[in-house]
Protein backbone atom coordinates (compact mmCIF):
# COMPACT_ATOMS: atom_id res chain seq x y z
CA MET A 1 0.00 0.00 0.01
CA LYS A 2 2.78 2.37 0.76
CA LYS A 3 4.40 1.88 -2.65
CA ARG A 4 1.12 2.48 -4.50
CA ALA A 5 0.61 5.67 -2.57
CA GLU A 6 4.15 6.82 -3.37
CA LYS A 7 3.52 6.17 -7.08
CA ARG A 8 0.37 8.23 -7.10
CA GLN A 9 2.14 10.97 -5.22
CA TRP A 10 5.00 10.94 -7.89
CA LEU A 11 2.47 11.27 -10.66
CA GLY A 12 1.02 14.27 -8.92
CA VAL A 13 -2.46 12.85 -8.90
CA GLU A 14 -2.65 11.49 -5.38
CA GLN A 15 -4.61 14.37 -4.00
CA LEU A 16 -6.63 15.23 -7.12
CA PRO A 17 -10.26 14.42 -7.45
CA SER A 18 -11.16 11.92 -10.25
CA GLN A 19 -12.50 14.64 -12.63
CA GLN A 20 -9.40 16.71 -12.28
CA ARG A 21 -7.26 13.65 -12.77
CA ALA A 22 -9.00 12.99 -16.08
CA THR A 23 -8.46 16.55 -17.20
CA SER A 24 -4.79 16.36 -16.31
CA ILE A 25 -4.35 13.15 -18.21
CA GLN A 26 -6.03 14.73 -21.27
CA SER A 27 -3.69 17.67 -21.04
CA MET A 28 -0.70 15.41 -20.90
CA VAL A 29 -1.97 13.51 -23.94
CA ILE A 30 -2.44 16.76 -25.85
CA VAL A 31 1.00 17.93 -24.93
CA LEU A 32 2.38 14.58 -26.04
CA ILE A 33 0.50 14.81 -29.34
CA VAL A 34 1.69 18.37 -29.94
CA ALA A 35 5.23 17.29 -29.23
CA ILE A 36 4.88 14.40 -31.66
CA VAL A 37 3.36 16.69 -34.35
CA ALA A 38 6.05 19.30 -33.80
CA GLY A 39 8.79 16.69 -34.10
CA TRP A 40 7.15 15.29 -37.20
CA SER A 41 6.86 18.75 -38.73
CA LEU A 42 10.50 19.55 -37.99
CA TRP A 43 11.57 16.25 -39.52
CA GLY A 44 9.36 16.84 -42.53
CA GLU A 45 10.71 20.34 -43.10
CA ARG A 46 14.24 19.03 -42.97
CA ALA A 47 13.30 16.24 -45.34
CA VAL A 48 11.79 18.76 -47.74
CA GLN A 49 14.91 20.91 -47.51
CA ARG A 50 17.08 17.88 -48.28
CA MET A 51 14.84 16.97 -51.21
CA ARG A 52 14.93 20.56 -52.48
CA SER A 53 18.71 20.65 -52.14
CA ASP A 54 19.02 17.32 -53.94
CA PHE A 55 16.69 18.60 -56.71
CA ILE A 56 18.66 21.81 -57.14
CA THR A 57 21.89 19.90 -57.24
CA ALA A 58 20.52 17.44 -59.77
CA THR A 59 19.07 20.24 -61.88
CA SER A 60 22.31 22.17 -61.84
CA SER A 61 24.24 19.09 -62.82
CA ARG A 62 21.82 18.33 -65.66
CA ALA A 63 22.02 21.95 -66.89
CA ALA A 64 25.79 21.81 -66.82
CA SER A 65 25.67 18.52 -68.69
CA VAL A 66 23.31 19.93 -71.31
CA LYS A 67 25.46 23.03 -71.70
CA GLN A 68 28.56 20.92 -72.09
CA GLN A 69 26.81 18.71 -74.68
CA ALA A 70 25.73 21.81 -76.64
CA ALA A 71 29.31 23.11 -76.52
CA ASP A 72 30.58 19.76 -77.75
CA ARG A 73 28.04 19.71 -80.58
CA LYS A 74 29.03 23.27 -81.60
CA ALA A 75 32.71 22.35 -81.57
CA ASN A 76 31.99 19.23 -83.61
CA SER A 77 29.85 21.28 -86.00
CA LYS A 78 32.71 23.75 -86.59
CA VAL A 79 35.14 20.91 -87.19
CA GLY A 80 32.68 19.24 -89.52
CA SER A 81 32.08 22.51 -91.39
CA LYS A 82 35.79 23.04 -91.86
CA LEU A 83 36.21 19.48 -93.10
CA ARG A 84 33.28 19.90 -95.53
CA SER A 85 34.66 23.23 -96.78
CA LYS A 86 38.04 21.67 -97.28
CA ALA A 87 36.51 18.69 -99.08
CA SER A 88 34.39 21.02 -101.26
CA ALA A 89 37.47 23.14 -102.13
CA GLN A 90 39.45 20.01 -103.01
CA SER A 91 36.53 18.78 -105.11
CA ALA A 92 36.34 22.15 -106.97
CA VAL A 93 40.08 21.98 -107.66
CA VAL A 94 39.72 18.46 -109.04
CA LYS A 95 36.71 19.47 -111.20
CA ASN A 96 38.49 22.55 -112.57
CA SER A 97 41.58 20.50 -113.22
CA ASP A 98 39.52 17.89 -115.08
CA ALA A 99 37.72 20.61 -117.07
CA ALA A 100 40.93 22.34 -117.96
CA HIS A 101 42.38 18.98 -119.08
CA LYS A 102 39.27 18.19 -121.13
CA TYR A 103 38.50 21.57 -122.66
CA GLY A 104 41.73 23.51 -122.38
CA PRO A 105 42.21 26.92 -120.70
CA GLY A 106 39.74 29.73 -121.28
CA LYS A 107 36.72 27.58 -122.14
CA HIS A 108 34.51 25.37 -119.96
CA GLY A 109 37.24 25.16 -117.35
CA SER A 110 36.33 28.69 -116.16
CA SER A 111 32.98 30.17 -115.20
CA LYS A 112 30.70 31.64 -117.81
CA THR A 113 31.17 35.15 -116.38
CA LYS A 114 34.87 34.88 -117.30
CA GLN A 115 34.22 33.90 -120.94
CA THR A 116 35.57 36.54 -123.27
CA ILE A 117 33.75 37.99 -126.27
CA ALA A 118 36.34 36.31 -128.51
CA GLU A 119 35.56 32.97 -126.93
CA LYS A 120 31.83 33.53 -127.17
CA PHE A 121 32.02 33.93 -130.94
CA GLY A 122 35.03 31.67 -131.50
CA VAL A 123 37.10 34.38 -133.24
CA THR A 124 40.38 36.24 -132.95
CA ALA A 125 41.38 39.70 -134.18
CA ASP A 126 42.85 37.93 -137.27
CA ASP A 127 39.52 36.39 -138.30
CA TRP A 128 38.77 37.25 -141.93
CA ARG A 129 35.36 38.63 -140.99
CA LEU A 130 36.99 41.18 -138.63
CA VAL A 131 39.74 42.46 -140.86
CA LEU A 132 40.16 46.20 -140.08
CA VAL A 133 41.02 48.70 -142.79
CA ASN A 134 41.04 52.41 -141.93
CA ARG A 135 43.42 55.33 -141.70
CA GLU A 136 45.27 53.78 -138.78
CA HIS A 137 45.29 50.29 -140.35
CA PRO A 138 46.01 50.69 -144.09
CA ARG A 139 46.31 47.64 -146.29
CA GLU A 140 47.90 46.68 -149.57
CA GLU A 141 45.74 45.17 -152.32
CA MET A 142 43.91 42.16 -150.81
CA ASN A 143 42.59 40.47 -153.99
CA PRO A 144 39.62 38.58 -152.48
CA GLN A 145 37.83 35.92 -154.53
CA LEU A 146 34.76 37.70 -155.90
CA THR A 147 31.23 36.92 -156.97
CA GLU A 148 29.28 39.38 -159.05
CA LEU A 149 25.66 40.20 -158.08
CA ASN A 150 23.08 41.92 -160.32
CA ASN A 151 25.80 42.80 -162.86
CA ARG A 152 26.71 45.69 -160.65
CA CYS A 153 28.24 44.51 -157.40
CA SER A 154 31.35 42.36 -156.89
CA ILE A 155 31.59 40.94 -153.38
CA ASP A 156 33.69 38.41 -151.46
CA SER A 157 32.30 35.04 -152.57
CA ARG A 158 32.00 33.85 -148.93
CA VAL A 159 29.30 36.46 -148.23
CA ALA A 160 27.56 36.63 -151.61
CA ASP A 161 24.47 34.65 -150.51
CA GLU A 162 23.96 36.78 -147.38
CA LEU A 163 24.33 40.00 -149.33
CA SER A 164 21.83 38.85 -151.95
CA GLU A 165 19.31 38.02 -149.24
CA PHE A 166 19.93 41.39 -147.56
CA LEU A 167 19.20 43.18 -150.83
CA HIS A 168 15.96 41.29 -151.37
CA ALA A 169 14.86 42.09 -147.76
CA ALA A 170 15.64 45.79 -148.33
CA GLN A 171 13.66 45.76 -151.59
CA GLU A 172 10.66 44.44 -149.71
CA VAL A 173 10.86 47.59 -147.59
CA ASP A 174 11.31 49.77 -150.66
CA SER A 175 11.63 48.39 -154.22
CA SER A 176 14.10 51.15 -155.11
CA ALA A 177 16.80 49.74 -152.80
CA HIS A 178 19.92 48.91 -154.81
CA PHE A 179 23.68 48.58 -154.74
CA ILE A 180 25.69 51.80 -155.09
CA SER A 181 29.18 50.35 -154.74
CA CYS A 182 30.81 47.13 -153.50
CA TYR A 183 34.34 45.89 -153.99
CA ARG A 184 36.86 48.49 -155.09
CA SER A 185 40.50 47.73 -155.71
CA VAL A 186 43.31 49.89 -154.31
CA ALA A 187 44.01 51.11 -157.83
CA TYR A 188 40.42 52.08 -158.45
CA GLN A 189 40.20 53.77 -155.00
CA THR A 190 43.25 55.87 -155.93
CA GLN A 191 41.50 57.19 -159.04
CA LEU A 192 38.25 57.78 -157.16
CA PHE A 193 39.87 59.69 -154.31
CA GLU A 194 41.89 61.86 -156.72
CA GLY A 195 38.72 62.66 -158.64
CA TYR A 196 36.95 63.77 -155.42
CA VAL A 197 39.94 66.01 -154.50
CA ASN A 198 39.90 67.66 -157.92
CA ASP A 199 36.16 68.25 -157.59
CA GLU A 200 36.63 69.97 -154.23
CA LEU A 201 39.49 72.15 -155.56
CA ALA A 202 37.27 73.17 -158.49
CA ALA A 203 34.39 73.99 -156.17
CA HIS A 204 36.66 75.94 -153.77
CA PRO A 205 39.33 77.83 -155.80
CA ASP A 206 40.80 79.37 -152.61
CA TRP A 207 41.54 75.91 -151.10
CA ASN A 208 44.88 74.16 -151.28
CA ARG A 209 45.24 70.43 -151.79
CA GLU A 210 45.46 69.65 -148.06
CA GLN A 211 42.20 71.43 -147.43
CA ALA A 212 40.55 69.57 -150.32
CA GLU A 213 41.83 66.17 -149.09
CA THR A 214 40.56 66.91 -145.56
CA GLN A 215 37.11 67.56 -146.95
CA VAL A 216 37.15 64.45 -149.17
CA LYS A 217 38.12 62.28 -146.18
CA THR A 218 34.78 63.04 -144.57
CA TYR A 219 33.07 60.89 -147.21
CA SER A 220 35.80 58.85 -148.92
CA GLN A 221 39.12 57.30 -147.95
CA PRO A 222 42.56 57.37 -149.56
CA ALA A 223 43.74 54.26 -151.39
CA GLY A 224 44.67 51.47 -149.00
CA GLN A 225 42.47 52.92 -146.24
CA SER A 226 39.04 52.00 -147.62
CA GLU A 227 37.41 48.75 -146.51
CA HIS A 228 35.77 48.45 -149.89
CA GLN A 229 39.00 46.73 -150.89
CA THR A 230 38.16 43.87 -148.48
CA GLY A 231 35.24 42.70 -150.57
CA LEU A 232 33.15 42.73 -147.37
CA ALA A 233 31.69 46.24 -147.68
CA VAL A 234 28.73 47.49 -149.69
CA ASP A 235 26.90 50.80 -150.21
CA LEU A 236 23.19 50.04 -150.38
CA SER A 237 20.49 52.74 -150.63
CA THR A 238 17.18 53.82 -152.10
CA ALA A 239 18.90 57.04 -153.36
CA GLU A 240 21.86 57.82 -155.58
CA ASP A 241 23.75 59.97 -153.12
CA ILE A 242 24.90 59.61 -149.53
CA ASN A 243 22.60 60.63 -146.61
CA VAL A 244 19.72 61.84 -148.80
CA GLN A 245 17.26 58.91 -148.53
CA ASP A 246 14.33 59.18 -146.16
CA PRO A 247 15.75 58.70 -142.60
CA ALA A 248 12.86 56.52 -141.51
CA LEU A 249 13.30 54.32 -144.59
CA ALA A 250 17.08 54.17 -144.08
CA GLN A 251 16.54 53.11 -140.46
CA ARG A 252 14.19 50.26 -141.45
CA ILE A 253 16.81 48.93 -143.91
CA GLN A 254 19.59 49.32 -141.34
CA SER A 255 17.58 47.31 -138.77
CA LEU A 256 17.48 44.35 -141.20
CA ALA A 257 21.22 44.25 -141.76
CA PRO A 258 22.31 42.22 -138.65
CA GLN A 259 20.01 39.32 -139.63
CA TYR A 260 22.24 38.84 -142.70
CA GLY A 261 25.59 39.45 -140.94
CA PHE A 262 26.00 43.16 -141.79
CA ILE A 263 26.44 46.22 -139.56
CA LEU A 264 26.00 49.89 -140.41
CA ARG A 265 29.68 50.74 -140.44
CA PHE A 266 29.81 54.46 -139.80
CA LEU A 267 27.41 55.42 -137.02
CA ARG A 268 26.24 58.87 -136.11
CA GLY A 269 28.18 60.20 -133.16
CA LYS A 270 31.00 57.66 -133.55
CA GLU A 271 33.32 59.76 -135.72
CA GLN A 272 36.07 59.65 -133.08
CA SER A 273 36.07 55.85 -133.30
CA THR A 274 35.82 55.36 -137.06
CA GLY A 275 37.38 58.58 -138.36
CA VAL A 276 34.46 58.82 -140.81
CA ASP A 277 31.25 60.86 -140.67
CA TYR A 278 27.85 59.17 -140.54
CA GLU A 279 26.96 57.25 -143.72
CA ASP A 280 23.39 55.91 -144.12
CA TRP A 281 24.32 53.45 -146.83
CA HIS A 282 27.67 51.82 -145.95
CA PHE A 283 27.35 48.28 -144.59
CA ARG A 284 30.06 45.81 -143.60
CA TYR A 285 29.88 42.04 -143.21
CA VAL A 286 31.08 40.59 -139.88
CA GLY A 287 28.83 37.50 -139.50
CA GLN A 288 25.33 37.23 -138.12
CA GLY A 289 26.06 36.64 -134.43
CA ILE A 290 28.68 39.33 -134.22
CA ALA A 291 26.57 41.79 -136.22
CA GLN A 292 23.65 41.34 -133.85
CA TYR A 293 25.95 41.75 -130.81
CA ILE A 294 27.69 44.88 -132.12
CA THR A 295 24.36 46.45 -133.11
CA ALA A 296 22.80 45.71 -129.67
CA LYS A 297 25.84 47.28 -127.97
CA GLY A 298 25.81 50.32 -130.31
CA TRP A 299 29.46 49.72 -131.05
CA THR A 300 31.61 50.24 -134.09
CA LEU A 301 33.88 47.53 -135.48
CA GLU A 302 36.82 49.32 -133.88
CA GLU A 303 35.13 49.21 -130.47
CA PHE A 304 34.23 45.53 -130.84
CA LEU A 305 37.90 44.72 -131.55
CA ASP A 306 38.96 46.83 -128.55
CA HIS A 307 36.65 44.75 -126.29
CA LEU A 308 37.39 41.41 -127.93
CA ASN A 309 39.23 40.01 -124.88
CA ASP A 310 36.82 41.46 -122.29
CA PRO A 311 34.40 39.23 -120.37
CA VAL A 312 31.02 38.84 -121.99
């Protein structure tokens, strides 16, 4: 009995009534529950912090890994790009080398933008169609093989068919179109030029020979300096004198010329290039492709030859 009493006294409930004892026990239970909950909460918060820390660490590691992978891919891409560029350059060298071996320099081995005008038309300055005869490039007698057209015009046999077709086309524009002059030998040109000089001296008694020759050179050339001696030039008009036919009619005939390989030789405003004033009737054979090209460019034969080695 004494031990039981001591135990109740230690618990502090010895002297309490039964209702109070129940209340005290409840309070102790509540305190115990609160303590348990508080401990659990503290443990949970620490667990959450550990989880959060682990998540942040894992995320940072993953981000670093992704960043490193991206850097590796970029580095690999640069290396690959350099290798591809090097391979492409080597391939281009091989292709150009093969092309040069197959076609030779200056043709398909180079790009089209580097093709010269000479290469485009397959000619050189020595091509018979491009022979240049003027005051700066005089020639001795050339003696071309001739064909006579309409009993009035002798022309280089190589262009006789084209000239005949050109005349017929001009006559469809105006039936009065005809040949004025075609091939003239150096000997004949000498006589012709001298006759013009004498005519000018007679018309201008106060002129000396030099003045008369200067005037004649505006419409005729001294012997050896006229391209009529090539057999590739022709004077074709609807009138009997130079620059007197209807300008609109002359222009229509001039526009036909390139189709048959001829150019209007002495253009208006190009006296510095040709050394000769405008002539509405003087045509020169150069070949169809070249004639169309020169006409489209608005060039003279001299200018075409100056640009012969330029890129197209």
